[in-house]
PDB file of N, CA and C in Angstrom:
ATOM      1  N   MET A   1     -13.788 -11.495  -6.720  1.00  0.00           N
ATOM      2  CA  MET A   1     -12.563 -10.936  -6.161  1.00  0.00           C
ATOM      3  C   MET A   1     -11.491 -12.025  -6.168  1.00  0.00           C
ATOM      4  N   LYS A   2     -10.296 -11.659  -6.587  1.00  0.00           N
ATOM      5  CA  LYS A   2      -9.177 -12.598  -6.592  1.00  0.00           C
ATOM      6  C   LYS A   2      -8.734 -12.891  -5.175  1.00  0.00           C
ATOM      7  N   GLY A   3      -7.623 -13.655  -5.026  1.00  0.00           N
ATOM      8  CA  GLY A   3      -7.100 -14.015  -3.717  1.00  0.00           C
ATOM      9  C   GLY A   3      -6.901 -12.815  -2.810  1.00  0.00           C
ATOM     10  N   THR A   4      -6.981 -13.064  -1.541  1.00  0.00           N
ATOM     11  CA  THR A   4      -6.915 -11.971  -0.578  1.00  0.00           C
ATOM     12  C   THR A   4      -5.564 -11.852   0.114  1.00  0.00           C
ATOM     13  N   HIS A   5      -4.587 -12.659  -0.312  1.00  0.00           N
ATOM     14  CA  HIS A   5      -3.264 -12.566   0.296  1.00  0.00           C
ATOM     15  C   HIS A   5      -2.605 -11.246  -0.093  1.00  0.00           C
ATOM     16  N   LEU A   6      -1.973 -10.594   0.879  1.00  0.00           N
ATOM     17  CA  LEU A   6      -1.245  -9.352   0.622  1.00  0.00           C
ATOM     18  C   LEU A   6       0.242  -9.626   0.673  1.00  0.00           C
ATOM     19  N   GLY A   7       0.945  -9.301  -0.382  1.00  0.00           N
ATOM     20  CA  GLY A   7       2.403  -9.338  -0.347  1.00  0.00           C
ATOM     21  C   GLY A   7       2.908  -8.083   0.348  1.00  0.00           C
ATOM     22  N   GLU A   8       4.184  -8.079   0.707  1.00  0.00           N
ATOM     23  CA  GLU A   8       4.754  -6.925   1.417  1.00  0.00           C
ATOM     24  C   GLU A   8       4.603  -5.645   0.603  1.00  0.00           C
ATOM     25  N   PHE A   9       4.944  -5.697  -0.678  1.00  0.00           N
ATOM     26  CA  PHE A   9       4.864  -4.493  -1.504  1.00  0.00           C
ATOM     27  C   PHE A   9       3.424  -4.015  -1.629  1.00  0.00           C
ATOM     28  N   GLU A  10       2.492  -4.947  -1.805  1.00  0.00           N
ATOM     29  CA  GLU A  10       1.082  -4.570  -1.880  1.00  0.00           C
ATOM     30  C   GLU A  10       0.608  -3.916  -0.587  1.00  0.00           C
ATOM     31  N   GLU A  11       1.066  -4.454   0.520  1.00  0.00           N
ATOM     32  CA  GLU A  11       0.693  -3.864   1.807  1.00  0.00           C
ATOM     33  C   GLU A  11       1.222  -2.439   1.909  1.00  0.00           C
ATOM     34  N   LEU A  12       2.462  -2.234   1.476  1.00  0.00           N
ATOM     35  CA  LEU A  12       3.035  -0.882   1.495  1.00  0.00           C
ATOM     36  C   LEU A  12       2.261   0.061   0.575  1.00  0.00           C
ATOM     37  N   VAL A  13       1.850  -0.425  -0.581  1.00  0.00           N
ATOM     38  CA  VAL A  13       1.064   0.407  -1.495  1.00  0.00           C
ATOM     39  C   VAL A  13      -0.264   0.783  -0.845  1.00  0.00           C
ATOM     40  N   LEU A  14      -0.952  -0.190  -0.268  1.00  0.00           N
ATOM     41  CA  LEU A  14      -2.231   0.104   0.396  1.00  0.00           C
ATOM     42  C   LEU A  14      -2.068   1.119   1.514  1.00  0.00           C
ATOM     43  N   LEU A  15      -1.055   0.933   2.327  1.00  0.00           N
ATOM     44  CA  LEU A  15      -0.813   1.881   3.418  1.00  0.00           C
ATOM     45  C   LEU A  15      -0.510   3.280   2.885  1.00  0.00           C
ATOM     46  N   THR A  16       0.245   3.346   1.811  1.00  0.00           N
ATOM     47  CA  THR A  16       0.594   4.634   1.224  1.00  0.00           C
ATOM     48  C   THR A  16      -0.631   5.312   0.625  1.00  0.00           C
ATOM     49  N   VAL A  17      -1.478   4.547  -0.027  1.00  0.00           N
ATOM     50  CA  VAL A  17      -2.723   5.111  -0.554  1.00  0.00           C
ATOM     51  C   VAL A  17      -3.554   5.691   0.585  1.00  0.00           C
ATOM     52  N   ALA A  18      -3.625   4.982   1.689  1.00  0.00           N
ATOM     53  CA  ALA A  18      -4.374   5.481   2.845  1.00  0.00           C
ATOM     54  C   ALA A  18      -3.748   6.769   3.380  1.00  0.00           C
ATOM     55  N   ILE A  19      -2.421   6.826   3.437  1.00  0.00           N
ATOM     56  CA  ILE A  19      -1.732   8.029   3.914  1.00  0.00           C
ATOM     57  C   ILE A  19      -2.044   9.214   3.011  1.00  0.00           C
ATOM     58  N   LEU A  20      -1.996   8.989   1.702  1.00  0.00           N
ATOM     59  CA  LEU A  20      -2.208  10.076   0.742  1.00  0.00           C
ATOM     60  C   LEU A  20      -3.679  10.454   0.601  1.00  0.00           C
ATOM     61  N   TYR A  21      -4.528   9.572   0.994  1.00  0.00           N
ATOM     62  CA  TYR A  21      -5.981   9.735   1.004  1.00  0.00           C
ATOM     63  C   TYR A  21      -6.505  10.218  -0.349  1.00  0.00           C
ATOM     64  N   ASP A  22      -6.896  11.478  -0.493  1.00  0.00           N
ATOM     65  CA  ASP A  22      -7.513  11.931  -1.741  1.00  0.00           C
ATOM     66  C   ASP A  22      -6.509  12.422  -2.780  1.00  0.00           C
ATOM     67  N   GLU A  23      -5.216  12.222  -2.532  1.00  0.00           N
ATOM     68  CA  GLU A  23      -4.166  12.591  -3.487  1.00  0.00           C
ATOM     69  C   GLU A  23      -3.349  11.369  -3.906  1.00  0.00           C
ATOM     70  N   ALA A  24      -3.955  10.197  -3.828  1.00  0.00           N
ATOM     71  CA  ALA A  24      -3.235   8.954  -4.128  1.00  0.00           C
ATOM     72  C   ALA A  24      -3.367   8.608  -5.608  1.00  0.00           C
ATOM     73  N   TYR A  25      -2.369   8.998  -6.372  1.00  0.00           N
ATOM     74  CA  TYR A  25      -2.276   8.616  -7.781  1.00  0.00           C
ATOM     75  C   TYR A  25      -0.871   8.073  -7.989  1.00  0.00           C
ATOM     76  N   GLY A  26      -0.620   7.423  -9.125  1.00  0.00           N
ATOM     77  CA  GLY A  26       0.609   6.672  -9.339  1.00  0.00           C
ATOM     78  C   GLY A  26       1.886   7.348  -8.894  1.00  0.00           C
ATOM     79  N   LEU A  27       2.175   8.529  -9.429  1.00  0.00           N
ATOM     80  CA  LEU A  27       3.434   9.206  -9.127  1.00  0.00           C
ATOM     81  C   LEU A  27       3.519   9.624  -7.657  1.00  0.00           C
ATOM     82  N   ALA A  28       2.419  10.090  -7.101  1.00  0.00           N
ATOM     83  CA  ALA A  28       2.414  10.479  -5.686  1.00  0.00           C
ATOM     84  C   ALA A  28       2.649   9.267  -4.795  1.00  0.00           C
ATOM     85  N   ILE A  29       2.065   8.131  -5.164  1.00  0.00           N
ATOM     86  CA  ILE A  29       2.262   6.896  -4.399  1.00  0.00           C
ATOM     87  C   ILE A  29       3.733   6.497  -4.452  1.00  0.00           C
ATOM     88  N   GLN A  30       4.309   6.520  -5.647  1.00  0.00           N
ATOM     89  CA  GLN A  30       5.718   6.161  -5.812  1.00  0.00           C
ATOM     90  C   GLN A  30       6.609   7.055  -4.956  1.00  0.00           C
ATOM     91  N   ARG A  31       6.411   8.352  -5.041  1.00  0.00           N
ATOM     92  CA  ARG A  31       7.254   9.298  -4.299  1.00  0.00           C
ATOM     93  C   ARG A  31       7.120   9.126  -2.791  1.00  0.00           C
ATOM     94  N   GLU A  32       5.892   8.949  -2.328  1.00  0.00           N
ATOM     95  CA  GLU A  32       5.683   8.773  -0.888  1.00  0.00           C
ATOM     96  C   GLU A  32       6.289   7.463  -0.406  1.00  0.00           C
ATOM     97  N   MET A  33       6.166   6.407  -1.206  1.00  0.00           N
ATOM     98  CA  MET A  33       6.761   5.134  -0.819  1.00  0.00           C
ATOM     99  C   MET A  33       8.279   5.243  -0.758  1.00  0.00           C
ATOM    100  N   GLU A  34       8.879   5.919  -1.720  1.00  0.00           N
ATOM    101  CA  GLU A  34      10.332   6.099  -1.706  1.00  0.00           C
ATOM    102  C   GLU A  34      10.752   6.904  -0.479  1.00  0.00           C
ATOM    103  N   ARG A  35       9.974   7.939  -0.157  1.00  0.00           N
ATOM    104  CA  ARG A  35      10.295   8.773   1.009  1.00  0.00           C
ATOM    105  C   ARG A  35      10.186   7.970   2.305  1.00  0.00           C
ATOM    106  N   GLN A  36       9.150   7.188   2.409  1.00  0.00           N
ATOM    107  CA  GLN A  36       8.907   6.431   3.639  1.00  0.00           C
ATOM    108  C   GLN A  36       9.860   5.249   3.802  1.00  0.00           C
ATOM    109  N   THR A  37      10.171   4.563   2.702  1.00  0.00           N
ATOM    110  CA  THR A  37      10.965   3.337   2.788  1.00  0.00           C
ATOM    111  C   THR A  37      12.448   3.544   2.525  1.00  0.00           C
ATOM    112  N   LYS A  38      12.803   4.703   1.971  1.00  0.00           N
ATOM    113  CA  LYS A  38      14.198   4.983   1.588  1.00  0.00           C
ATOM    114  C   LYS A  38      14.685   3.967   0.557  1.00  0.00           C
ATOM    115  N   ARG A  39      13.760   3.489  -0.292  1.00  0.00           N
ATOM    116  CA  ARG A  39      14.073   2.542  -1.352  1.00  0.00           C
ATOM    117  C   ARG A  39      13.659   3.133  -2.693  1.00  0.00           C
ATOM    118  N   SER A  40      14.369   2.753  -3.740  1.00  0.00           N
ATOM    119  CA  SER A  40      14.000   3.153  -5.087  1.00  0.00           C
ATOM    120  C   SER A  40      12.857   2.256  -5.567  1.00  0.00           C
ATOM    121  N   ILE A  41      11.808   2.868  -6.068  1.00  0.00           N
ATOM    122  CA  ILE A  41      10.627   2.118  -6.489  1.00  0.00           C
ATOM    123  C   ILE A  41      10.232   2.594  -7.876  1.00  0.00           C
ATOM    124  N   SER A  42      10.035   1.665  -8.781  1.00  0.00           N
ATOM    125  CA  SER A  42       9.669   2.056 -10.146  1.00  0.00           C
ATOM    126  C   SER A  42       8.178   2.358 -10.230  1.00  0.00           C
ATOM    127  N   ILE A  43       7.851   3.297 -11.102  1.00  0.00           N
ATOM    128  CA  ILE A  43       6.445   3.640 -11.301  1.00  0.00           C
ATOM    129  C   ILE A  43       5.686   2.448 -11.867  1.00  0.00           C
ATOM    130  N   GLY A  44       6.365   1.624 -12.681  1.00  0.00           N
ATOM    131  CA  GLY A  44       5.728   0.429 -13.222  1.00  0.00           C
ATOM    132  C   GLY A  44       5.313  -0.541 -12.134  1.00  0.00           C
ATOM    133  N   ALA A  45       6.155  -0.687 -11.117  1.00  0.00           N
ATOM    134  CA  ALA A  45       5.824  -1.575  -9.998  1.00  0.00           C
ATOM    135  C   ALA A  45       4.611  -1.048  -9.240  1.00  0.00           C
ATOM    136  N   VAL A  46       4.541   0.263  -9.086  1.00  0.00           N
ATOM    137  CA  VAL A  46       3.394   0.868  -8.393  1.00  0.00           C
ATOM    138  C   VAL A  46       2.118   0.625  -9.193  1.00  0.00           C
ATOM    139  N   HIS A  47       2.165   0.890 -10.504  1.00  0.00           N
ATOM    140  CA  HIS A  47       0.975   0.686 -11.338  1.00  0.00           C
ATOM    141  C   HIS A  47       0.546  -0.779 -11.335  1.00  0.00           C
ATOM    142  N   ALA A  48       1.496  -1.701 -11.436  1.00  0.00           N
ATOM    143  CA  ALA A  48       1.165  -3.125 -11.425  1.00  0.00           C
ATOM    144  C   ALA A  48       0.512  -3.521 -10.101  1.00  0.00           C
ATOM    145  N   ALA A  49       1.065  -3.029  -8.996  1.00  0.00           N
ATOM    146  CA  ALA A  49       0.502  -3.343  -7.680  1.00  0.00           C
ATOM    147  C   ALA A  49      -0.899  -2.753  -7.535  1.00  0.00           C
ATOM    148  N   CYS A  50      -1.085  -1.527  -8.006  1.00  0.00           N
ATOM    149  CA  CYS A  50      -2.412  -0.904  -7.932  1.00  0.00           C
ATOM    150  C   CYS A  50      -3.425  -1.703  -8.751  1.00  0.00           C
ATOM    151  N   ASN A  51      -3.007  -2.190  -9.911  1.00  0.00           N
ATOM    152  CA  ASN A  51      -3.909  -3.019 -10.724  1.00  0.00           C
ATOM    153  C   ASN A  51      -4.263  -4.321 -10.013  1.00  0.00           C
ATOM    154  N   ARG A  52      -3.260  -4.971  -9.408  1.00  0.00           N
ATOM    155  CA  ARG A  52      -3.524  -6.216  -8.662  1.00  0.00           C
ATOM    156  C   ARG A  52      -4.460  -5.947  -7.487  1.00  0.00           C
ATOM    157  N   LEU A  53      -4.198  -4.867  -6.775  1.00  0.00           N
ATOM    158  CA  LEU A  53      -5.020  -4.542  -5.605  1.00  0.00           C
ATOM    159  C   LEU A  53      -6.442  -4.178  -6.014  1.00  0.00           C
ATOM    160  N   SER A  54      -6.590  -3.537  -7.154  1.00  0.00           N
ATOM    161  CA  SER A  54      -7.934  -3.244  -7.675  1.00  0.00           C
ATOM    162  C   SER A  54      -8.644  -4.540  -8.047  1.00  0.00           C
ATOM    163  N   ASP A  55      -7.914  -5.454  -8.703  1.00  0.00           N
ATOM    164  CA  ASP A  55      -8.496  -6.743  -9.073  1.00  0.00           C
ATOM    165  C   ASP A  55      -8.940  -7.536  -7.845  1.00  0.00           C
ATOM    166  N   LYS A  56      -8.212  -7.401  -6.758  1.00  0.00           N
ATOM    167  CA  LYS A  56      -8.556  -8.092  -5.511  1.00  0.00           C
ATOM    168  C   LYS A  56      -9.692  -7.395  -4.762  1.00  0.00           C
ATOM    169  N   GLY A  57     -10.047  -6.187  -5.203  1.00  0.00           N
ATOM    170  CA  GLY A  57     -11.103  -5.436  -4.534  1.00  0.00           C
ATOM    171  C   GLY A  57     -10.611  -4.604  -3.367  1.00  0.00           C
ATOM    172  N   PHE A  58      -9.286  -4.440  -3.232  1.00  0.00           N
ATOM    173  CA  PHE A  58      -8.719  -3.702  -2.105  1.00  0.00           C
ATOM    174  C   PHE A  58      -8.549  -2.210  -2.388  1.00  0.00           C
ATOM    175  N   LEU A  59      -8.535  -1.853  -3.665  1.00  0.00           N
ATOM    176  CA  LEU A  59      -8.451  -0.440  -4.068  1.00  0.00           C
ATOM    177  C   LEU A  59      -9.618  -0.121  -4.983  1.00  0.00           C
ATOM    178  N   GLU A  60     -10.092   1.107  -4.874  1.00  0.00           N
ATOM    179  CA  GLU A  60     -11.075   1.635  -5.811  1.00  0.00           C
ATOM    180  C   GLU A  60     -10.393   2.770  -6.558  1.00  0.00           C
ATOM    181  N   ALA A  61     -10.777   2.963  -7.811  1.00  0.00           N
ATOM    182  CA  ALA A  61     -10.142   3.996  -8.625  1.00  0.00           C
ATOM    183  C   ALA A  61     -11.200   4.854  -9.298  1.00  0.00           C
ATOM    184  N   LYS A  62     -10.855   6.117  -9.456  1.00  0.00           N
ATOM    185  CA  LYS A  62     -11.683   7.039 -10.230  1.00  0.00           C
ATOM    186  C   LYS A  62     -10.743   8.051 -10.869  1.00  0.00           C
ATOM    187  N   PHE A  63     -11.221   8.712 -11.895  1.00  0.00           N
ATOM    188  CA  PHE A  63     -10.398   9.711 -12.565  1.00  0.00           C
ATOM    189  C   PHE A  63     -10.742  11.095 -12.054  1.00  0.00           C
ATOM    190  N   SER A  64      -9.698  11.921 -11.882  1.00  0.00           N
ATOM    191  CA  SER A  64      -9.888  13.309 -11.490  1.00  0.00           C
ATOM    192  C   SER A  64     -10.358  14.108 -12.698  1.00  0.00           C
ATOM    193  N   GLU A  65     -10.677  15.337 -12.474  1.00  0.00           N
ATOM    194  CA  GLU A  65     -11.001  16.236 -13.577  1.00  0.00           C
ATOM    195  C   GLU A  65      -9.729  16.530 -14.365  1.00  0.00           C
ATOM    196  N   ALA A  66      -9.882  16.804 -15.632  1.00  0.00           N
ATOM    197  CA  ALA A  66      -8.744  17.176 -16.475  1.00  0.00           C
ATOM    198  C   ALA A  66      -8.193  18.515 -15.995  1.00  0.00           C
ATOM    199  N   SER A  67      -6.877  18.671 -16.083  1.00  0.00           N
ATOM    200  CA  SER A  67      -6.275  19.933 -15.646  1.00  0.00           C
ATOM    201  C   SER A  67      -5.348  20.483 -16.717  1.00  0.00           C
ATOM    202  N   GLN A  68      -5.251  21.796 -16.770  1.00  0.00           N
ATOM    203  CA  GLN A  68      -4.349  22.461 -17.702  1.00  0.00           C
ATOM    204  C   GLN A  68      -2.906  22.064 -17.407  1.00  0.00           C
ATOM    205  N   LYS A  69      -2.587  21.972 -16.128  1.00  0.00           N
ATOM    206  CA  LYS A  69      -1.224  21.649 -15.703  1.00  0.00           C
ATOM    207  C   LYS A  69      -0.750  20.326 -16.299  1.00  0.00           C
ATOM    208  N   ARG A  70      -1.660  19.398 -16.483  1.00  0.00           N
ATOM    209  CA  ARG A  70      -1.319  18.074 -17.011  1.00  0.00           C
ATOM    210  C   ARG A  70      -1.667  17.951 -18.489  1.00  0.00           C
ATOM    211  N   GLY A  71      -1.834  19.083 -19.159  1.00  0.00           N
ATOM    212  CA  GLY A  71      -2.144  19.053 -20.585  1.00  0.00           C
ATOM    213  C   GLY A  71      -3.491  18.412 -20.890  1.00  0.00           C
ATOM    214  N   GLY A  72      -4.432  18.578 -19.993  1.00  0.00           N
ATOM    215  CA  GLY A  72      -5.764  18.019 -20.185  1.00  0.00           C
ATOM    216  C   GLY A  72      -5.919  16.583 -19.721  1.00  0.00           C
ATOM    217  N   LYS A  73      -4.846  15.991 -19.243  1.00  0.00           N
ATOM    218  CA  LYS A  73      -4.920  14.601 -18.766  1.00  0.00           C
ATOM    219  C   LYS A  73      -5.534  14.553 -17.367  1.00  0.00           C
ATOM    220  N   ARG A  74      -6.180  13.442 -17.105  1.00  0.00           N
ATOM    221  CA  ARG A  74      -6.775  13.227 -15.791  1.00  0.00           C
ATOM    222  C   ARG A  74      -5.924  12.244 -15.000  1.00  0.00           C
ATOM    223  N   LYS A  75      -5.891  12.421 -13.684  1.00  0.00           N
ATOM    224  CA  LYS A  75      -5.171  11.484 -12.809  1.00  0.00           C
ATOM    225  C   LYS A  75      -6.104  10.349 -12.424  1.00  0.00           C
ATOM    226  N   LYS A  76      -5.541   9.157 -12.326  1.00  0.00           N
ATOM    227  CA  LYS A  76      -6.286   8.022 -11.787  1.00  0.00           C
ATOM    228  C   LYS A  76      -6.036   8.012 -10.285  1.00  0.00           C
ATOM    229  N   LEU A  77      -7.060   8.339  -9.528  1.00  0.00           N
ATOM    230  CA  LEU A  77      -6.959   8.435  -8.077  1.00  0.00           C
ATOM    231  C   LEU A  77      -7.447   7.149  -7.425  1.00  0.00           C
ATOM    232  N   TYR A  78      -6.692   6.701  -6.427  1.00  0.00           N
ATOM    233  CA  TYR A  78      -7.021   5.454  -5.727  1.00  0.00           C
ATOM    234  C   TYR A  78      -7.457   5.749  -4.302  1.00  0.00           C
ATOM    235  N   THR A  79      -8.366   4.935  -3.822  1.00  0.00           N
ATOM    236  CA  THR A  79      -8.740   4.945  -2.406  1.00  0.00           C
ATOM    237  C   THR A  79      -8.795   3.497  -1.932  1.00  0.00           C
ATOM    238  N   VAL A  80      -8.543   3.301  -0.653  1.00  0.00           N
ATOM    239  CA  VAL A  80      -8.611   1.964  -0.059  1.00  0.00           C
ATOM    240  C   VAL A  80     -10.084   1.627   0.148  1.00  0.00           C
ATOM    241  N   SER A  81     -10.489   0.465  -0.331  1.00  0.00           N
ATOM    242  CA  SER A  81     -11.866   0.000  -0.144  1.00  0.00           C
ATOM    243  C   SER A  81     -12.025  -0.579   1.263  1.00  0.00           C
ATOM    244  N   TYR A  82     -13.258  -0.904   1.593  1.00  0.00           N
ATOM    245  CA  TYR A  82     -13.508  -1.548   2.877  1.00  0.00           C
ATOM    246  C   TYR A  82     -12.751  -2.876   2.959  1.00  0.00           C
ATOM    247  N   ALA A  83     -12.771  -3.644   1.865  1.00  0.00           N
ATOM    248  CA  ALA A  83     -12.047  -4.921   1.842  1.00  0.00           C
ATOM    249  C   ALA A  83     -10.546  -4.697   2.018  1.00  0.00           C
ATOM    250  N   GLY A  84     -10.015  -3.618   1.438  1.00  0.00           N
ATOM    251  CA  GLY A  84      -8.605  -3.278   1.607  1.00  0.00           C
ATOM    252  C   GLY A  84      -8.271  -2.938   3.044  1.00  0.00           C
ATOM    253  N   GLN A  85      -9.151  -2.191   3.678  1.00  0.00           N
ATOM    254  CA  GLN A  85      -8.953  -1.838   5.093  1.00  0.00           C
ATOM    255  C   GLN A  85      -8.986  -3.095   5.951  1.00  0.00           C
ATOM    256  N   GLN A  86      -9.891  -4.012   5.638  1.00  0.00           N
ATOM    257  CA  GLN A  86      -9.968  -5.277   6.378  1.00  0.00           C
ATOM    258  C   GLN A  86      -8.692  -6.093   6.181  1.00  0.00           C
ATOM    259  N   ALA A  87      -8.170  -6.132   4.960  1.00  0.00           N
ATOM    260  CA  ALA A  87      -6.938  -6.877   4.679  1.00  0.00           C
ATOM    261  C   ALA A  87      -5.764  -6.274   5.447  1.00  0.00           C
ATOM    262  N   LEU A  88      -5.688  -4.945   5.492  1.00  0.00           N
ATOM    263  CA  LEU A  88      -4.619  -4.290   6.250  1.00  0.00           C
ATOM    264  C   LEU A  88      -4.741  -4.578   7.744  1.00  0.00           C
ATOM    265  N   THR A  89      -5.945  -4.515   8.247  1.00  0.00           N
ATOM    266  CA  THR A  89      -6.172  -4.801   9.663  1.00  0.00           C
ATOM    267  C   THR A  89      -5.778  -6.233   9.990  1.00  0.00           C
ATOM    268  N   HIS A  90      -6.158  -7.157   9.118  1.00  0.00           N
ATOM    269  CA  HIS A  90      -5.799  -8.571   9.328  1.00  0.00           C
ATOM    270  C   HIS A  90      -4.277  -8.746   9.327  1.00  0.00           C
ATOM    271  N   ALA A  91      -3.596  -8.121   8.375  1.00  0.00           N
ATOM    272  CA  ALA A  91      -2.132  -8.235   8.297  1.00  0.00           C
ATOM    273  C   ALA A  91      -1.477  -7.668   9.551  1.00  0.00           C
ATOM    274  N   ARG A  92      -1.949  -6.514   9.999  1.00  0.00           N
ATOM    275  CA  ARG A  92      -1.397  -5.901  11.214  1.00  0.00           C
ATOM    276  C   ARG A  92      -1.638  -6.784  12.430  1.00  0.00           C
ATOM    277  N   ASP A  93      -2.853  -7.290  12.572  1.00  0.00           N
ATOM    278  CA  ASP A  93      -3.197  -8.117  13.727  1.00  0.00           C
ATOM    279  C   ASP A  93      -2.399  -9.421  13.733  1.00  0.00           C
ATOM    280  N   LEU A  94      -2.226 -10.027  12.556  1.00  0.00           N
ATOM    281  CA  LEU A  94      -1.444 -11.260  12.467  1.00  0.00           C
ATOM    282  C   LEU A  94       0.004 -11.009  12.882  1.00  0.00           C
ATOM    283  N   ARG A  95       0.592  -9.935  12.377  1.00  0.00           N
ATOM    284  CA  ARG A  95       1.970  -9.615  12.764  1.00  0.00           C
ATOM    285  C   ARG A  95       2.075  -9.371  14.271  1.00  0.00           C
ATOM    286  N   GLN A  96       1.126  -8.642  14.822  1.00  0.00           N
ATOM    287  CA  GLN A  96       1.163  -8.365  16.258  1.00  0.00           C
ATOM    288  C   GLN A  96       1.015  -9.647  17.069  1.00  0.00           C
ATOM    289  N   GLN A  97       0.143 -10.534  16.605  1.00  0.00           N
ATOM    290  CA  GLN A  97      -0.042 -11.823  17.289  1.00  0.00           C
ATOM    291  C   GLN A  97       1.271 -12.607  17.290  1.00  0.00           C
ATOM    292  N   LEU A  98       1.973 -12.609  16.177  1.00  0.00           N
ATOM    293  CA  LEU A  98       3.253 -13.316  16.102  1.00  0.00           C
ATOM    294  C   LEU A  98       4.292 -12.652  16.991  1.00  0.00           C
ATOM    295  N   TRP A  99       4.375 -11.323  16.948  1.00  0.00           N
ATOM    296  CA  TRP A  99       5.337 -10.610  17.801  1.00  0.00           C
ATOM    297  C   TRP A  99       5.068 -10.894  19.282  1.00  0.00           C
ATOM    298  N   ASP A 100       3.800 -10.950  19.645  1.00  0.00           N
ATOM    299  CA  ASP A 100       3.435 -11.188  21.047  1.00  0.00           C
ATOM    300  C   ASP A 100       3.854 -12.567  21.541  1.00  0.00           C
ATOM    301  N   GLN A 101       4.083 -13.504  20.637  1.00  0.00           N
ATOM    302  CA  GLN A 101       4.467 -14.858  21.023  1.00  0.00           C
ATOM    303  C   GLN A 101       5.978 -15.058  21.133  1.00  0.00           C
ATOM    304  N   ILE A 102       6.752 -14.069  20.763  1.00  0.00           N
ATOM    305  CA  ILE A 102       8.210 -14.207  20.826  1.00  0.00           C
ATOM    306  C   ILE A 102       8.649 -14.093  22.288  1.00  0.00           C
ATOM    307  N   PRO A 103       9.363 -15.084  22.789  1.00  0.00           N
ATOM    308  CA  PRO A 103       9.828 -15.009  24.182  1.00  0.00           C
ATOM    309  C   PRO A 103      10.766 -13.810  24.367  1.00  0.00           C
ATOM    310  N   GLY A 104      10.729 -13.225  25.524  1.00  0.00           N
ATOM    311  CA  GLY A 104      11.558 -12.064  25.821  1.00  0.00           C
ATOM    312  C   GLY A 104      13.040 -12.299  25.612  1.00  0.00           C
ATOM    313  N   THR A 105      13.471 -13.534  25.728  1.00  0.00           N
ATOM    314  CA  THR A 105      14.898 -13.849  25.583  1.00  0.00           C
ATOM    315  C   THR A 105      15.312 -14.135  24.141  1.00  0.00           C
ATOM    316  N   ALA A 106      14.360 -14.171  23.222  1.00  0.00           N
ATOM    317  CA  ALA A 106      14.668 -14.566  21.843  1.00  0.00           C
ATOM    318  C   ALA A 106      15.640 -13.626  21.155  1.00  0.00           C
ATOM    319  N   PHE A 107      15.650 -12.368  21.531  1.00  0.00           N
ATOM    320  CA  PHE A 107      16.518 -11.395  20.872  1.00  0.00           C
ATOM    321  C   PHE A 107      17.636 -10.866  21.779  1.00  0.00           C
ATOM    322  N   GLN A 108      17.971 -11.633  22.770  1.00  0.00           N
ATOM    323  CA  GLN A 108      19.080 -11.236  23.656  1.00  0.00           C
ATOM    324  C   GLN A 108      20.346 -11.940  23.194  1.00  0.00           C
ATOM    325  N   PHE A 109      20.940 -11.396  22.170  1.00  0.00           N
ATOM    326  CA  PHE A 109      22.118 -12.010  21.557  1.00  0.00           C
ATOM    327  C   PHE A 109      23.365 -11.688  22.360  1.00  0.00           C
ATOM    328  N   GLY A 110      24.240 -12.672  22.471  1.00  0.00           N
ATOM    329  CA  GLY A 110      25.539 -12.479  23.121  1.00  0.00           C
ATOM    330  C   GLY A 110      25.460 -12.260  24.617  1.00  0.00           C
ATOM    331  N   LEU A 111      24.316 -12.537  25.231  1.00  0.00           N
ATOM    332  CA  LEU A 111      24.212 -12.326  26.667  1.00  0.00           C
ATOM    333  C   LEU A 111      24.418 -13.616  27.453  1.00  0.00           C
ATOM    334  N   THR A 112      24.675 -14.721  26.760  1.00  0.00           N
ATOM    335  CA  THR A 112      24.837 -15.981  27.488  1.00  0.00           C
ATOM    336  C   THR A 112      26.299 -16.256  27.796  1.00  0.00           C
TER     337      THR A 112
END
């Protein structure tokens, strides 16, 4: 397994795959990420991130059955692996730990 560091975009992809659960394929991931983040996201970026996450062992992939609707093509469906879930949990816990250390006055701008 490659490095276990998660970049922001990779974390968003993993979270989106988890949200989509059994319907997580490239185009669906892209659309859901755009809907959730209100940002334009290229399908190439999604595919590249999914490949990196698969290489790291954070995503598992399988092909769906061929469908008439797709001209006989199969979708590559992704699911979050146990290692991916652990990486997401670690990222969430680390962020929460950092947030918990911010003094209450740190964000009181213009009150002095």
